Amino acid sequence: MAMDSTEPRITLHPHEQRVQVMIDDTLLADTTRAIELREHGYPPCQYIPCDDAEMRVDPRFLRFLILHFVLFKVFA
């Protein structure tokens, strides 16, 4: 299916449900204000406002975050 050249490749939409991010028993983020990014050819992903996320990441979770979130987007 060809994409219409006037259609934007990336669109942003308010996410309609609550988003929580947990690792083990630690709540890292909890929001009802997430923005969903939709990019042609990729699954949607949610961006969480900094005010609703724990910005001080425990070092034991840093490796997990890099491997599962940052590298996925870089190499996708």
N, C-alpha and C. Protein backbone atom coordinates (compact mmCIF):
# COMPACT_ATOMS: atom_id res chain seq x y z
N MET A 1 0.84 -1.18 0.00
CA MET A 1 0.00 0.00 0.00
C MET A 1 0.89 1.24 0.00
N ALA A 2 0.76 2.08 -0.98
CA ALA A 2 1.56 3.30 -1.07
C ALA A 2 1.02 4.37 -0.14
N MET A 3 1.96 5.11 0.45
CA MET A 3 1.56 6.19 1.34
C MET A 3 1.28 7.45 0.53
N ASP A 4 0.24 8.16 0.85
CA ASP A 4 -0.07 9.44 0.23
C ASP A 4 1.06 10.41 0.57
N SER A 5 1.64 11.06 -0.42
CA SER A 5 2.79 11.94 -0.17
C SER A 5 2.43 13.15 0.68
N THR A 6 1.13 13.48 0.80
CA THR A 6 0.73 14.61 1.64
C THR A 6 0.51 14.19 3.09
N GLU A 7 0.47 12.88 3.36
CA GLU A 7 0.25 12.39 4.71
C GLU A 7 1.55 12.46 5.52
N PRO A 8 1.52 13.05 6.72
CA PRO A 8 2.75 13.12 7.51
C PRO A 8 3.21 11.73 7.93
N ARG A 9 4.52 11.52 7.98
CA ARG A 9 5.06 10.23 8.35
C ARG A 9 4.88 9.96 9.84
N ILE A 10 4.99 11.00 10.66
CA ILE A 10 4.85 10.87 12.11
C ILE A 10 3.70 11.77 12.57
N THR A 11 2.82 11.20 13.40
CA THR A 11 1.74 12.01 13.96
C THR A 11 1.70 11.80 15.47
N LEU A 12 1.24 12.82 16.19
CA LEU A 12 1.14 12.78 17.65
C LEU A 12 -0.33 12.87 18.05
N HIS A 13 -0.70 12.06 19.06
CA HIS A 13 -2.08 12.01 19.51
C HIS A 13 -2.11 11.89 21.02
N PRO A 14 -3.05 12.52 21.71
CA PRO A 14 -3.20 12.27 23.14
C PRO A 14 -3.52 10.79 23.36
N HIS A 15 -2.82 10.17 24.28
CA HIS A 15 -3.10 8.75 24.60
C HIS A 15 -4.30 8.73 25.54
N GLU A 16 -5.28 7.90 25.26
CA GLU A 16 -6.55 7.96 25.97
C GLU A 16 -6.60 7.15 27.26
N GLN A 17 -5.56 6.39 27.55
CA GLN A 17 -5.57 5.56 28.75
C GLN A 17 -4.41 5.93 29.67
N ARG A 18 -4.52 5.51 30.91
CA ARG A 18 -3.45 5.70 31.87
C ARG A 18 -2.25 4.84 31.47
N VAL A 19 -1.05 5.40 31.61
CA VAL A 19 0.18 4.67 31.30
C VAL A 19 1.01 4.59 32.57
N GLN A 20 1.40 3.38 32.92
CA GLN A 20 2.31 3.17 34.05
C GLN A 20 3.51 2.39 33.55
N VAL A 21 4.68 2.78 34.02
CA VAL A 21 5.92 2.08 33.69
C VAL A 21 6.49 1.54 34.98
N MET A 22 6.64 0.21 35.03
CA MET A 22 7.17 -0.43 36.23
C MET A 22 8.29 -1.37 35.85
N ILE A 23 9.29 -1.44 36.70
CA ILE A 23 10.32 -2.45 36.60
C ILE A 23 10.37 -3.12 37.96
N ASP A 24 10.15 -4.42 37.96
CA ASP A 24 10.00 -5.18 39.20
C ASP A 24 8.86 -4.53 39.99
N ASP A 25 9.10 -4.09 41.20
CA ASP A 25 8.08 -3.45 42.03
C ASP A 25 8.23 -1.94 42.08
N THR A 26 9.06 -1.39 41.22
CA THR A 26 9.35 0.04 41.24
C THR A 26 8.55 0.77 40.17
N LEU A 27 7.73 1.72 40.59
CA LEU A 27 6.96 2.55 39.66
C LEU A 27 7.85 3.68 39.16
N LEU A 28 8.12 3.70 37.85
CA LEU A 28 8.97 4.73 37.26
C LEU A 28 8.17 5.87 36.67
N ALA A 29 6.95 5.60 36.25
CA ALA A 29 6.11 6.65 35.67
C ALA A 29 4.64 6.27 35.81
N ASP A 30 3.81 7.30 35.96
CA ASP A 30 2.37 7.11 36.07
C ASP A 30 1.71 8.38 35.53
N THR A 31 0.99 8.25 34.41
CA THR A 31 0.42 9.44 33.81
C THR A 31 -0.89 9.14 33.08
N THR A 32 -1.70 10.16 32.98
CA THR A 32 -2.88 10.14 32.10
C THR A 32 -2.69 11.18 31.00
N ARG A 33 -1.44 11.70 30.89
CA ARG A 33 -1.14 12.75 29.91
C ARG A 33 -0.13 12.32 28.86
N ALA A 34 -0.02 11.02 28.60
CA ALA A 34 0.96 10.54 27.62
C ALA A 34 0.57 10.99 26.21
N ILE A 35 1.55 11.15 25.38
CA ILE A 35 1.36 11.47 23.97
C ILE A 35 1.77 10.23 23.17
N GLU A 36 0.90 9.79 22.29
CA GLU A 36 1.22 8.62 21.47
C GLU A 36 1.80 9.09 20.14
N LEU A 37 2.97 8.56 19.82
CA LEU A 37 3.62 8.85 18.55
C LEU A 37 3.32 7.69 17.60
N ARG A 38 2.79 8.01 16.45
CA ARG A 38 2.51 7.00 15.43
C ARG A 38 3.38 7.30 14.22
N GLU A 39 4.21 6.33 13.90
CA GLU A 39 5.13 6.48 12.77
C GLU A 39 4.86 5.34 11.79
N HIS A 40 4.71 5.69 10.54
CA HIS A 40 4.37 4.70 9.52
C HIS A 40 5.37 3.55 9.53
N GLY A 41 4.85 2.33 9.64
CA GLY A 41 5.71 1.15 9.62
C GLY A 41 6.22 0.69 10.97
N TYR A 42 5.88 1.40 12.06
CA TYR A 42 6.33 1.04 13.41
C TYR A 42 5.12 0.98 14.34
N PRO A 43 5.23 0.19 15.41
CA PRO A 43 4.12 0.20 16.38
C PRO A 43 4.08 1.54 17.11
N PRO A 44 2.91 1.98 17.58
CA PRO A 44 2.83 3.24 18.32
C PRO A 44 3.65 3.17 19.60
N CYS A 45 4.15 4.31 20.04
CA CYS A 45 4.84 4.36 21.34
C CYS A 45 4.35 5.59 22.09
N GLN A 46 4.43 5.52 23.40
CA GLN A 46 3.93 6.59 24.24
C GLN A 46 5.10 7.37 24.84
N TYR A 47 4.96 8.68 24.82
CA TYR A 47 5.93 9.57 25.46
C TYR A 47 5.27 10.14 26.71
N ILE A 48 5.99 10.12 27.81
CA ILE A 48 5.46 10.50 29.11
C ILE A 48 6.06 11.83 29.54
N PRO A 49 5.24 12.77 30.03
CA PRO A 49 5.78 14.04 30.53
C PRO A 49 6.77 13.80 31.67
N CYS A 50 7.84 14.56 31.68
CA CYS A 50 8.87 14.42 32.72
C CYS A 50 8.28 14.58 34.12
N ASP A 51 7.29 15.45 34.27
CA ASP A 51 6.68 15.67 35.58
C ASP A 51 6.00 14.41 36.13
N ASP A 52 5.67 13.48 35.24
CA ASP A 52 4.98 12.26 35.66
C ASP A 52 5.90 11.05 35.73
N ALA A 53 7.20 11.27 35.59
CA ALA A 53 8.16 10.17 35.59
C ALA A 53 9.24 10.40 36.64
N GLU A 54 9.72 9.30 37.17
CA GLU A 54 10.85 9.36 38.10
C GLU A 54 12.11 9.54 37.27
N MET A 55 12.69 10.73 37.33
CA MET A 55 13.82 11.05 36.47
C MET A 55 15.16 10.59 37.05
N ARG A 56 15.19 10.23 38.31
CA ARG A 56 16.43 9.72 38.91
C ARG A 56 16.41 8.20 38.78
N VAL A 57 17.09 7.69 37.80
CA VAL A 57 17.05 6.26 37.52
C VAL A 57 18.08 5.53 38.38
N ASP A 58 17.60 4.50 39.04
CA ASP A 58 18.46 3.63 39.83
C ASP A 58 19.46 2.97 38.87
N PRO A 59 20.75 2.97 39.19
CA PRO A 59 21.75 2.40 38.27
C PRO A 59 21.46 0.96 37.85
N ARG A 60 20.81 0.17 38.68
CA ARG A 60 20.54 -1.21 38.30
C ARG A 60 19.51 -1.30 37.18
N PHE A 61 18.73 -0.22 36.95
CA PHE A 61 17.77 -0.23 35.86
C PHE A 61 18.31 0.44 34.59
N LEU A 62 19.42 1.12 34.69
CA LEU A 62 19.95 1.87 33.55
C LEU A 62 20.24 0.96 32.37
N ARG A 63 20.88 -0.18 32.61
CA ARG A 63 21.19 -1.10 31.52
C ARG A 63 19.90 -1.57 30.84
N PHE A 64 18.89 -1.91 31.62
CA PHE A 64 17.60 -2.35 31.07
C PHE A 64 17.01 -1.26 30.18
N LEU A 65 17.00 -0.02 30.67
CA LEU A 65 16.41 1.07 29.90
C LEU A 65 17.13 1.29 28.58
N ILE A 66 18.45 1.25 28.61
CA ILE A 66 19.23 1.46 27.39
C ILE A 66 18.97 0.33 26.40
N LEU A 67 19.04 -0.91 26.86
CA LEU A 67 18.88 -2.04 25.96
C LEU A 67 17.48 -2.15 25.37
N HIS A 68 16.46 -1.84 26.15
CA HIS A 68 15.10 -2.06 25.69
C HIS A 68 14.43 -0.87 25.03
N PHE A 69 14.87 0.32 25.33
CA PHE A 69 14.18 1.49 24.79
C PHE A 69 15.05 2.28 23.82
N VAL A 70 16.24 2.64 24.24
CA VAL A 70 17.09 3.47 23.39
C VAL A 70 17.58 2.69 22.19
N LEU A 71 18.15 1.51 22.40
CA LEU A 71 18.71 0.75 21.29
C LEU A 71 17.63 0.26 20.33
N PHE A 72 16.44 -0.03 20.83
CA PHE A 72 15.36 -0.45 19.93
C PHE A 72 15.08 0.64 18.91
N LYS A 73 14.99 1.88 19.34
CA LYS A 73 14.67 2.97 18.41
C LYS A 73 15.84 3.25 17.48
N VAL A 74 17.06 3.16 17.98
CA VAL A 74 18.23 3.45 17.15
C VAL A 74 18.36 2.42 16.03
N PHE A 75 18.16 1.14 16.34
CA PHE A 75 18.38 0.10 15.36
C PHE A 75 17.11 -0.38 14.66
N ALA A 76 15.97 0.22 14.99
CA ALA A 76 14.71 -0.20 14.35
C ALA A 76 14.67 0.26 12.91
